[in-house]
């Protein structure tokens, strides 16, 4: 909590929402009281944020390694391709060398040994 309070003290005074109707939702009180704001809210939610065509790979540090996102845009409000590289993806590379010769019961401890997340094994 102390770290959050220190970070809040460093924020400059003023609004924290960007003042661009193309990417920021209107305030709820405006959405409920004016038809223009309701339409803007609806269009932004339904159409998405329109980005220029292109592709990007961006990543951040996850608990088990690099969490990466590859997104390809065709210039509309929805990406035409979106792939997620989970942090445990690199850990799968060793399984074909570690698992041969082991029993089925050894799979769970092996996953634990390499810090594997089971939900990320669906690839």
N, C-alpha and C. Protein backbone atom coordinates (compact mmCIF):
# COMPACT_ATOMS: atom_id res chain seq x y z
N UNK A 1 0.82 -1.18 0.00
CA UNK A 1 0.00 0.00 0.00
C UNK A 1 0.87 1.25 0.00
N UNK A 2 1.98 1.17 0.71
CA UNK A 2 2.88 2.33 0.79
C UNK A 2 3.45 2.68 -0.59
N UNK A 3 3.80 1.66 -1.38
CA UNK A 3 4.32 1.90 -2.72
C UNK A 3 3.26 2.57 -3.59
N UNK A 4 2.02 2.11 -3.49
CA UNK A 4 0.94 2.72 -4.26
C UNK A 4 0.72 4.17 -3.86
N UNK A 5 0.79 4.45 -2.57
CA UNK A 5 0.62 5.83 -2.12
C UNK A 5 1.74 6.72 -2.63
N UNK A 6 2.97 6.20 -2.66
CA UNK A 6 4.08 6.98 -3.19
C UNK A 6 3.90 7.23 -4.69
N UNK A 7 3.43 6.23 -5.42
CA UNK A 7 3.20 6.41 -6.85
C UNK A 7 2.09 7.42 -7.10
N UNK A 8 1.04 7.38 -6.30
CA UNK A 8 -0.06 8.35 -6.44
C UNK A 8 0.42 9.77 -6.18
N UNK A 9 1.35 9.93 -5.24
CA UNK A 9 1.89 11.26 -4.95
C UNK A 9 2.70 11.81 -6.12
N UNK A 10 3.28 10.93 -6.93
CA UNK A 10 4.09 11.37 -8.06
C UNK A 10 3.27 11.70 -9.30
N UNK A 11 2.00 11.28 -9.33
CA UNK A 11 1.14 11.59 -10.47
C UNK A 11 0.83 13.08 -10.50
N UNK A 12 0.92 13.71 -11.67
CA UNK A 12 0.55 15.12 -11.74
C UNK A 12 -0.95 15.31 -11.57
N UNK A 13 -1.34 16.49 -11.13
CA UNK A 13 -2.76 16.79 -10.95
C UNK A 13 -3.45 16.85 -12.31
N UNK A 14 -4.72 16.53 -12.33
CA UNK A 14 -5.49 16.60 -13.57
C UNK A 14 -6.11 15.27 -13.91
N UNK A 15 -6.77 15.22 -15.08
CA UNK A 15 -7.44 13.98 -15.48
C UNK A 15 -6.43 12.89 -15.82
N UNK A 16 -6.84 11.66 -15.63
CA UNK A 16 -5.97 10.52 -15.92
C UNK A 16 -6.43 9.77 -17.17
N UNK A 17 -7.44 10.27 -17.84
CA UNK A 17 -7.97 9.65 -19.04
C UNK A 17 -7.59 10.52 -20.24
N UNK A 18 -7.12 9.89 -21.29
CA UNK A 18 -6.76 10.63 -22.50
C UNK A 18 -8.01 11.30 -23.08
N UNK A 19 -7.83 12.49 -23.61
CA UNK A 19 -8.96 13.26 -24.14
C UNK A 19 -9.06 13.05 -25.65
N UNK A 20 -9.29 11.81 -26.06
CA UNK A 20 -9.42 11.47 -27.46
C UNK A 20 -10.61 10.53 -27.61
N UNK A 21 -11.65 11.01 -28.25
CA UNK A 21 -12.89 10.23 -28.36
C UNK A 21 -12.72 8.98 -29.21
N UNK A 22 -11.64 8.88 -30.00
CA UNK A 22 -11.43 7.69 -30.83
C UNK A 22 -11.00 6.49 -30.01
N UNK A 23 -10.43 6.72 -28.81
CA UNK A 23 -9.91 5.61 -28.02
C UNK A 23 -10.43 5.57 -26.59
N UNK A 24 -11.02 6.65 -26.10
CA UNK A 24 -11.48 6.70 -24.71
C UNK A 24 -13.00 6.67 -24.65
N UNK A 25 -13.52 5.84 -23.79
CA UNK A 25 -14.96 5.78 -23.61
C UNK A 25 -15.46 7.06 -22.94
N UNK A 26 -16.64 7.54 -23.33
CA UNK A 26 -17.19 8.71 -22.65
C UNK A 26 -17.56 8.38 -21.21
N UNK A 27 -17.67 9.41 -20.39
CA UNK A 27 -18.04 9.21 -18.99
C UNK A 27 -19.42 8.58 -18.89
N UNK A 28 -19.63 7.75 -17.89
CA UNK A 28 -20.90 7.03 -17.74
C UNK A 28 -22.08 7.98 -17.60
N UNK A 29 -21.89 9.07 -16.85
CA UNK A 29 -23.01 9.99 -16.67
C UNK A 29 -23.42 10.62 -18.00
N UNK A 30 -22.44 10.82 -18.90
CA UNK A 30 -22.77 11.33 -20.23
C UNK A 30 -23.44 10.27 -21.09
N UNK A 31 -22.99 9.01 -20.97
CA UNK A 31 -23.59 7.92 -21.74
C UNK A 31 -25.05 7.76 -21.38
N UNK A 32 -25.37 7.89 -20.11
CA UNK A 32 -26.74 7.70 -19.65
C UNK A 32 -27.63 8.91 -19.92
N UNK A 33 -27.04 10.07 -20.23
CA UNK A 33 -27.85 11.28 -20.35
C UNK A 33 -27.87 11.92 -21.74
N UNK A 34 -26.94 11.55 -22.63
CA UNK A 34 -26.96 12.14 -23.97
C UNK A 34 -26.86 11.03 -25.01
N UNK A 35 -27.60 11.23 -26.09
CA UNK A 35 -27.61 10.22 -27.15
C UNK A 35 -26.27 10.17 -27.89
N UNK A 36 -25.59 11.32 -28.01
CA UNK A 36 -24.30 11.36 -28.71
C UNK A 36 -23.27 10.49 -27.98
N UNK A 37 -23.23 10.62 -26.65
CA UNK A 37 -22.28 9.82 -25.87
C UNK A 37 -22.64 8.34 -25.91
N UNK A 38 -23.93 8.03 -25.93
CA UNK A 38 -24.35 6.65 -26.00
C UNK A 38 -23.93 6.03 -27.33
N UNK A 39 -24.09 6.79 -28.42
CA UNK A 39 -23.68 6.30 -29.73
C UNK A 39 -22.16 6.12 -29.78
N UNK A 40 -21.41 7.10 -29.25
CA UNK A 40 -19.95 7.01 -29.24
C UNK A 40 -19.48 5.79 -28.44
N UNK A 41 -20.12 5.55 -27.29
CA UNK A 41 -19.80 4.39 -26.46
C UNK A 41 -20.07 3.10 -27.22
N UNK A 42 -21.24 3.02 -27.84
CA UNK A 42 -21.65 1.83 -28.58
C UNK A 42 -20.68 1.56 -29.74
N UNK A 43 -20.35 2.59 -30.52
CA UNK A 43 -19.47 2.42 -31.67
C UNK A 43 -18.07 1.98 -31.25
N UNK A 44 -17.56 2.56 -30.16
CA UNK A 44 -16.23 2.19 -29.70
C UNK A 44 -16.19 0.74 -29.20
N UNK A 45 -17.25 0.32 -28.52
CA UNK A 45 -17.31 -1.06 -28.03
C UNK A 45 -17.51 -2.04 -29.19
N UNK A 46 -18.39 -1.73 -30.12
CA UNK A 46 -18.70 -2.66 -31.20
C UNK A 46 -17.63 -2.68 -32.30
N UNK A 47 -17.09 -1.53 -32.66
CA UNK A 47 -16.13 -1.46 -33.76
C UNK A 47 -14.69 -1.60 -33.29
N UNK A 48 -14.42 -1.27 -32.04
CA UNK A 48 -13.06 -1.34 -31.52
C UNK A 48 -12.26 -0.10 -31.89
N UNK A 49 -11.03 -0.06 -31.42
CA UNK A 49 -10.13 1.05 -31.72
C UNK A 49 -9.47 0.76 -33.06
N UNK A 50 -9.64 1.67 -34.02
CA UNK A 50 -9.09 1.48 -35.36
C UNK A 50 -7.60 1.83 -35.32
N UNK A 51 -6.78 0.86 -35.66
CA UNK A 51 -5.33 1.05 -35.70
C UNK A 51 -4.85 0.89 -37.13
N UNK A 52 -3.71 1.47 -37.48
CA UNK A 52 -3.21 1.33 -38.85
C UNK A 52 -2.81 -0.12 -39.14
N UNK A 53 -2.84 -0.51 -40.42
CA UNK A 53 -2.44 -1.87 -40.77
C UNK A 53 -0.96 -2.10 -40.43
N UNK A 54 -0.66 -3.31 -40.00
CA UNK A 54 0.71 -3.66 -39.67
C UNK A 54 0.75 -4.79 -38.68
N UNK A 55 1.93 -5.07 -38.16
CA UNK A 55 2.08 -6.13 -37.18
C UNK A 55 3.05 -5.69 -36.10
N UNK A 56 2.90 -6.31 -34.93
CA UNK A 56 3.76 -5.98 -33.81
C UNK A 56 3.91 -7.20 -32.90
N UNK A 57 5.07 -7.32 -32.32
CA UNK A 57 5.29 -8.29 -31.25
C UNK A 57 5.71 -7.49 -30.03
N UNK A 58 5.00 -7.65 -28.96
CA UNK A 58 5.33 -6.96 -27.73
C UNK A 58 5.35 -7.98 -26.60
N UNK A 59 6.14 -7.72 -25.60
CA UNK A 59 6.29 -8.70 -24.53
C UNK A 59 6.45 -8.00 -23.19
N UNK A 60 6.26 -8.77 -22.17
CA UNK A 60 6.49 -8.30 -20.81
C UNK A 60 7.02 -9.48 -20.00
N UNK A 61 7.55 -9.19 -18.86
CA UNK A 61 8.08 -10.25 -18.00
C UNK A 61 6.93 -10.84 -17.19
N UNK A 62 6.72 -12.13 -17.35
CA UNK A 62 5.72 -12.83 -16.57
C UNK A 62 6.36 -13.54 -15.39
N UNK A 63 5.55 -14.20 -14.60
CA UNK A 63 6.06 -14.91 -13.43
C UNK A 63 7.01 -16.04 -13.78
N UNK A 64 6.80 -16.69 -14.94
CA UNK A 64 7.63 -17.83 -15.33
C UNK A 64 8.54 -17.52 -16.50
N UNK A 65 8.52 -16.31 -17.01
CA UNK A 65 9.33 -15.96 -18.17
C UNK A 65 8.65 -14.90 -19.01
N UNK A 66 8.99 -14.87 -20.30
CA UNK A 66 8.48 -13.84 -21.20
C UNK A 66 7.05 -14.15 -21.64
N UNK A 67 6.16 -13.21 -21.46
CA UNK A 67 4.79 -13.30 -21.95
C UNK A 67 4.70 -12.39 -23.16
N UNK A 68 4.50 -12.97 -24.35
CA UNK A 68 4.54 -12.19 -25.58
C UNK A 68 3.22 -12.21 -26.32
N UNK A 69 2.98 -11.13 -27.06
CA UNK A 69 1.77 -10.99 -27.87
C UNK A 69 2.16 -10.57 -29.28
N UNK A 70 1.70 -11.31 -30.28
CA UNK A 70 1.92 -10.99 -31.68
C UNK A 70 0.57 -10.64 -32.27
N UNK A 71 0.45 -9.42 -32.78
CA UNK A 71 -0.84 -8.94 -33.29
C UNK A 71 -0.63 -8.40 -34.70
N UNK A 72 -1.51 -8.80 -35.62
CA UNK A 72 -1.51 -8.31 -36.99
C UNK A 72 -2.82 -7.57 -37.22
N UNK A 73 -2.72 -6.34 -37.71
CA UNK A 73 -3.90 -5.51 -37.96
C UNK A 73 -4.07 -5.32 -39.46
N UNK A 74 -5.33 -5.35 -39.89
CA UNK A 74 -5.63 -5.04 -41.29
C UNK A 74 -6.26 -3.67 -41.43
N UNK A 75 -6.18 -2.85 -40.38
CA UNK A 75 -6.70 -1.49 -40.44
C UNK A 75 -8.11 -1.35 -39.92
N UNK A 76 -8.69 -2.42 -39.38
CA UNK A 76 -10.03 -2.34 -38.81
C UNK A 76 -9.91 -2.30 -37.29
N UNK A 77 -11.04 -2.37 -36.62
CA UNK A 77 -11.06 -2.31 -35.16
C UNK A 77 -10.78 -3.64 -34.48
N UNK A 78 -10.64 -4.70 -35.25
CA UNK A 78 -10.35 -6.02 -34.68
C UNK A 78 -9.08 -6.57 -35.33
N UNK A 79 -8.20 -7.20 -34.58
CA UNK A 79 -6.99 -7.77 -35.20
C UNK A 79 -7.35 -8.95 -36.09
N UNK A 80 -6.63 -9.10 -37.21
CA UNK A 80 -6.90 -10.26 -38.07
C UNK A 80 -6.12 -11.47 -37.59
N UNK A 81 -5.10 -11.26 -36.76
CA UNK A 81 -4.37 -12.37 -36.16
C UNK A 81 -3.85 -11.92 -34.79
N UNK A 82 -4.00 -12.77 -33.83
CA UNK A 82 -3.51 -12.48 -32.48
C UNK A 82 -3.00 -13.79 -31.88
N UNK A 83 -1.74 -13.82 -31.54
CA UNK A 83 -1.14 -15.01 -30.94
C UNK A 83 -0.49 -14.63 -29.62
N UNK A 84 -0.60 -15.51 -28.67
CA UNK A 84 0.00 -15.29 -27.35
C UNK A 84 1.09 -16.33 -27.15
N UNK A 85 2.27 -15.88 -26.76
CA UNK A 85 3.37 -16.78 -26.42
C UNK A 85 3.45 -16.84 -24.90
N UNK A 86 2.97 -17.93 -24.31
CA UNK A 86 2.97 -18.01 -22.85
C UNK A 86 4.37 -18.18 -22.29
N UNK A 87 4.57 -17.81 -21.05
CA UNK A 87 5.90 -17.94 -20.45
C UNK A 87 6.42 -19.37 -20.43
N UNK A 88 5.56 -20.35 -20.33
CA UNK A 88 6.01 -21.75 -20.24
C UNK A 88 6.24 -22.39 -21.60
N UNK A 89 6.07 -21.64 -22.68
CA UNK A 89 6.25 -22.21 -24.02
C UNK A 89 7.65 -22.76 -24.22
N UNK A 90 8.65 -22.04 -23.75
CA UNK A 90 10.04 -22.49 -23.91
C UNK A 90 10.30 -23.75 -23.08
N UNK A 91 9.60 -23.93 -21.99
CA UNK A 91 9.80 -25.10 -21.15
C UNK A 91 9.36 -26.39 -21.83
N UNK A 92 8.45 -26.29 -22.80
CA UNK A 92 7.98 -27.48 -23.50
C UNK A 92 9.08 -28.11 -24.37
N UNK A 93 10.08 -27.34 -24.74
CA UNK A 93 11.11 -27.84 -25.64
C UNK A 93 11.90 -29.00 -25.04
N UNK A 94 12.01 -29.06 -23.74
CA UNK A 94 12.82 -30.12 -23.12
C UNK A 94 12.03 -31.40 -22.89
N UNK A 95 10.72 -31.35 -23.03
CA UNK A 95 9.90 -32.53 -22.69
C UNK A 95 10.21 -33.73 -23.58
N UNK A 96 10.52 -33.51 -24.87
CA UNK A 96 10.79 -34.66 -25.73
C UNK A 96 12.12 -35.34 -25.37
N UNK A 97 12.95 -34.69 -24.58
CA UNK A 97 14.19 -35.31 -24.14
C UNK A 97 14.09 -35.85 -22.72
N UNK A 98 13.17 -35.30 -21.94
CA UNK A 98 13.04 -35.69 -20.53
C UNK A 98 12.05 -36.84 -20.34
N UNK A 99 10.94 -36.83 -21.07
CA UNK A 99 9.86 -37.78 -20.82
C UNK A 99 10.09 -39.20 -21.35
N UNK A 100 10.82 -39.45 -22.44
CA UNK A 100 10.98 -40.83 -22.90
C UNK A 100 11.62 -41.73 -21.83
N UNK A 101 11.01 -42.88 -21.63
CA UNK A 101 11.51 -43.84 -20.65
C UNK A 101 10.88 -43.68 -19.28
N UNK A 102 10.11 -42.60 -19.07
CA UNK A 102 9.45 -42.39 -17.78
C UNK A 102 8.06 -43.01 -17.80
N UNK A 103 7.47 -43.15 -16.64
CA UNK A 103 6.10 -43.65 -16.51
C UNK A 103 5.12 -42.49 -16.59
N UNK A 104 3.86 -42.81 -16.85
CA UNK A 104 2.82 -41.79 -16.92
C UNK A 104 2.74 -41.02 -15.60
N UNK A 105 2.94 -41.71 -14.50
CA UNK A 105 2.89 -41.05 -13.19
C UNK A 105 4.02 -40.04 -13.02
N UNK A 106 5.06 -40.13 -13.82
CA UNK A 106 6.19 -39.21 -13.72
C UNK A 106 5.94 -37.88 -14.44
N UNK A 107 4.89 -37.80 -15.22
CA UNK A 107 4.62 -36.59 -15.98
C UNK A 107 4.32 -35.41 -15.05
N UNK A 108 3.50 -35.61 -14.05
CA UNK A 108 3.13 -34.52 -13.14
C UNK A 108 4.34 -33.98 -12.39
N UNK A 109 5.18 -34.82 -11.77
CA UNK A 109 6.37 -34.25 -11.12
C UNK A 109 7.33 -33.59 -12.10
N UNK A 110 7.38 -34.11 -13.34
CA UNK A 110 8.25 -33.48 -14.34
C UNK A 110 7.74 -32.10 -14.69
N UNK A 111 6.43 -31.96 -14.85
CA UNK A 111 5.85 -30.64 -15.10
C UNK A 111 6.16 -29.70 -13.95
N UNK A 112 6.07 -30.19 -12.73
CA UNK A 112 6.40 -29.38 -11.57
C UNK A 112 7.87 -28.98 -11.54
N UNK A 113 8.74 -29.89 -12.00
CA UNK A 113 10.17 -29.62 -12.00
C UNK A 113 10.53 -28.48 -12.95
N UNK A 114 9.88 -28.45 -14.12
CA UNK A 114 10.20 -27.38 -15.08
C UNK A 114 9.24 -26.20 -14.95
N UNK A 115 8.44 -26.19 -13.89
CA UNK A 115 7.51 -25.09 -13.60
C UNK A 115 6.51 -24.91 -14.73
N UNK A 116 5.93 -26.00 -15.17
CA UNK A 116 4.98 -25.98 -16.27
C UNK A 116 3.58 -25.64 -15.75
N UNK A 117 2.89 -24.80 -16.51
CA UNK A 117 1.51 -24.47 -16.22
C UNK A 117 0.65 -25.31 -17.16
N UNK A 118 -0.21 -26.16 -16.62
CA UNK A 118 -0.98 -27.10 -17.42
C UNK A 118 -1.89 -26.45 -18.44
N UNK A 119 -2.47 -25.31 -18.10
CA UNK A 119 -3.36 -24.62 -19.03
C UNK A 119 -2.67 -24.07 -20.26
N UNK A 120 -1.35 -23.97 -20.21
CA UNK A 120 -0.60 -23.45 -21.35
C UNK A 120 -0.13 -24.57 -22.28
N UNK A 121 -0.49 -25.80 -21.98
CA UNK A 121 -0.02 -26.95 -22.77
C UNK A 121 -0.95 -27.29 -23.93
N UNK A 122 -1.92 -26.46 -24.24
CA UNK A 122 -2.91 -26.80 -25.26
C UNK A 122 -2.42 -26.50 -26.68
N UNK A 123 -1.19 -26.13 -26.84
CA UNK A 123 -0.68 -25.76 -28.17
C UNK A 123 -0.26 -27.00 -28.90
